[in-house]
């Protein structure tokens, strides 16, 4: 579940216990487990919600296909962007083909022409909590290699990196 959904349910149960047993007895009937949610999961979900305020041509989510955290990031982004869920840079076959995991069909699909043909392309890029930074870097570099005739250093310089 999303952290916000988990919190909503916990708050609802707490209020129910307060109504039934009184505020003074809440600690006997309700355990506050708010701090048991992985902070990285919560941070990723909050950052993804903020990312959705931006405009992008498409989104890529990187992580394990069996990760519920990463799948939730895909669900969030799908509400606004065409979203591709990949495990690593190898899933980006070339500028025209990407192999991504469909969380609804539970299989990988090949998509064509996922990168629009235009001068400036904006990609919403995020990853699951357990996805190594090196994997994210590899995906970013592969995407950058498709721009500016593959002159990654020039693209990074324009981005201020």
Protein backbone atom coordinates (compact mmCIF):
# COMPACT_ATOMS: atom_id res chain seq x y z
CA UNK A 1 0.00 0.00 0.00
CA UNK A 2 1.01 3.58 -0.36
CA UNK A 3 2.26 5.19 2.83
CA UNK A 4 -0.63 7.66 2.69
CA UNK A 5 -3.15 4.80 2.44
CA UNK A 6 -1.53 2.99 5.35
CA UNK A 7 -1.64 6.17 7.44
CA UNK A 8 -5.30 6.78 6.59
CA UNK A 9 -6.25 3.27 7.76
CA UNK A 10 -4.18 3.58 10.94
CA UNK A 11 -5.77 6.95 11.76
CA UNK A 12 -9.24 5.50 11.14
CA UNK A 13 -8.58 2.54 13.43
CA UNK A 14 -7.14 4.79 16.12
CA UNK A 15 -10.19 7.07 16.03
CA UNK A 16 -12.46 4.02 16.23
CA UNK A 17 -10.61 2.75 19.32
CA UNK A 18 -10.77 6.20 20.94
CA UNK A 19 -14.54 6.31 20.38
CA UNK A 20 -14.98 2.83 21.83
CA UNK A 21 -12.51 2.90 24.75
CA UNK A 22 -11.77 6.60 25.31
CA UNK A 23 -8.61 8.57 24.70
CA UNK A 24 -7.22 7.72 28.14
CA UNK A 25 -7.25 3.98 27.25
CA UNK A 26 -5.96 4.22 23.67
CA UNK A 27 -2.48 2.86 24.45
CA UNK A 28 -4.02 -0.39 25.69
CA UNK A 29 -6.05 -0.88 22.49
CA UNK A 30 -3.95 0.67 19.71
CA UNK A 31 -0.25 0.36 18.88
CA UNK A 32 1.14 3.33 16.95
CA UNK A 33 3.26 1.70 14.26
CA UNK A 34 3.76 4.83 12.17
CA UNK A 35 7.54 4.60 12.53
CA UNK A 36 7.73 1.03 11.18
CA UNK A 37 7.32 2.08 7.55
CA UNK A 38 10.69 2.13 5.81
CA UNK A 39 11.77 5.78 5.59
CA UNK A 40 13.23 5.22 2.10
CA UNK A 41 9.88 3.89 0.87
CA UNK A 42 8.05 6.86 2.35
CA UNK A 43 10.62 9.31 0.96
CA UNK A 44 10.40 7.75 -2.52
CA UNK A 45 6.62 7.94 -2.54
CA UNK A 46 6.65 11.56 -1.39
CA UNK A 47 9.30 12.48 -3.97
CA UNK A 48 7.29 10.76 -6.70
CA UNK A 49 4.17 12.69 -5.73
CA UNK A 50 6.23 15.90 -6.04
CA UNK A 51 7.65 14.71 -9.38
CA UNK A 52 4.10 14.43 -10.69
CA UNK A 53 3.75 18.20 -10.37
CA UNK A 54 6.28 18.54 -13.19
CA UNK A 55 5.73 18.10 -16.91
CA UNK A 56 7.46 15.24 -18.73
CA UNK A 57 7.15 13.39 -22.01
CA UNK A 58 7.21 10.01 -20.24
CA UNK A 59 8.36 8.37 -17.03
CA UNK A 60 10.77 5.56 -16.27
CA UNK A 61 10.73 3.71 -12.96
CA UNK A 62 13.71 1.48 -12.21
CA UNK A 63 13.62 -1.42 -9.78
CA UNK A 64 12.73 -5.02 -9.09
CA UNK A 65 9.53 -6.26 -10.66
CA UNK A 66 8.54 -8.00 -7.42
CA UNK A 67 9.00 -4.86 -5.31
CA UNK A 68 5.68 -3.56 -4.00
CA UNK A 69 7.31 -0.20 -3.26
CA UNK A 70 8.50 0.20 -6.83
CA UNK A 71 5.16 -0.99 -8.23
CA UNK A 72 3.43 1.73 -6.22
CA UNK A 73 5.72 4.33 -7.79
CA UNK A 74 4.65 3.02 -11.21
CA UNK A 75 0.97 3.24 -10.19
CA UNK A 76 1.42 6.85 -9.08
CA UNK A 77 3.22 7.94 -12.24
CA UNK A 78 0.81 6.11 -14.56
CA UNK A 79 -1.88 8.55 -13.46
CA UNK A 80 -0.05 11.34 -15.30
CA UNK A 81 2.59 9.92 -17.65
CA UNK A 82 3.15 7.05 -20.02
CA UNK A 83 5.31 5.02 -17.66
CA UNK A 84 7.91 2.34 -18.33
CA UNK A 85 8.95 0.04 -15.47
CA UNK A 86 12.40 -1.41 -16.09
CA UNK A 87 14.85 -3.41 -14.00
CA UNK A 88 18.04 -2.00 -15.53
CA UNK A 89 19.58 -0.17 -18.50
CA UNK A 90 19.60 -3.33 -20.62
CA UNK A 91 15.81 -3.03 -20.93
CA UNK A 92 16.36 0.10 -22.99
CA UNK A 93 17.08 -1.70 -26.23
CA UNK A 94 17.71 1.42 -28.31
CA UNK A 95 16.22 4.86 -28.95
CA UNK A 96 13.11 3.28 -30.46
CA UNK A 97 12.55 0.14 -28.35
CA UNK A 98 12.15 -0.45 -24.62
CA UNK A 99 11.23 -3.64 -22.79
CA UNK A 100 9.23 -2.77 -19.70
CA UNK A 101 7.22 -4.65 -17.13
CA UNK A 102 3.46 -4.20 -17.18
CA UNK A 103 2.29 -4.39 -13.56
CA UNK A 104 -1.28 -5.07 -14.64
CA UNK A 105 -0.55 -7.94 -17.03
CA UNK A 106 2.47 -9.19 -15.04
CA UNK A 107 4.70 -9.52 -18.07
CA UNK A 108 7.29 -7.65 -20.06
CA UNK A 109 6.21 -5.85 -23.19
CA UNK A 110 8.18 -4.18 -25.96
CA UNK A 111 7.17 -0.61 -26.73
CA UNK A 112 8.18 1.19 -29.90
CA UNK A 113 8.91 4.89 -30.31
CA UNK A 114 8.81 5.53 -26.57
CA UNK A 115 11.02 8.61 -26.96
CA UNK A 116 9.17 11.34 -28.85
CA UNK A 117 10.92 12.98 -31.76
CA UNK A 118 11.43 16.59 -30.71
CA UNK A 119 14.23 18.93 -29.74
CA UNK A 120 13.85 18.83 -25.97
CA UNK A 121 12.69 15.71 -24.14
CA UNK A 122 11.86 15.61 -20.46
CA UNK A 123 11.89 12.27 -18.64
CA UNK A 124 10.49 11.72 -15.16
CA UNK A 125 13.01 9.24 -13.74
CA UNK A 126 12.79 7.53 -10.37
CA UNK A 127 13.62 4.23 -8.73
CA UNK A 128 12.52 1.92 -5.96
CA UNK A 129 14.01 2.20 -2.48
CA UNK A 130 16.33 -0.78 -2.94
CA UNK A 131 17.49 0.05 -6.46
CA UNK A 132 21.24 0.75 -6.44
CA UNK A 133 22.30 4.25 -7.52
CA UNK A 134 24.69 2.69 -10.05
CA UNK A 135 21.72 1.14 -11.88
CA UNK A 136 19.95 4.51 -11.99
CA UNK A 137 23.14 6.11 -13.31
CA UNK A 138 23.41 3.48 -16.06
CA UNK A 139 19.82 4.16 -17.16
CA UNK A 140 20.38 7.91 -17.14
CA UNK A 141 23.57 7.61 -19.17
CA UNK A 142 21.91 5.30 -21.68
CA UNK A 143 19.06 7.77 -22.17
CA UNK A 144 21.52 10.64 -22.48
CA UNK A 145 23.47 8.71 -25.11
CA UNK A 146 20.47 9.09 -27.45
CA UNK A 147 20.61 12.88 -27.33
CA UNK A 148 22.95 15.39 -28.89
CA UNK A 149 24.49 12.75 -31.17
CA UNK A 150 25.69 10.78 -28.16
CA UNK A 151 27.87 13.57 -26.78
CA UNK A 152 27.05 12.87 -23.13
CA UNK A 153 29.59 15.34 -21.73
CA UNK A 154 27.90 18.20 -23.62
CA UNK A 155 24.46 17.15 -22.40
CA UNK A 156 25.66 16.87 -18.79
CA UNK A 157 27.27 20.30 -19.05
CA UNK A 158 24.01 21.82 -20.33
CA UNK A 159 22.23 20.20 -17.37
CA UNK A 160 24.76 21.69 -14.96
CA UNK A 161 26.10 18.31 -13.91
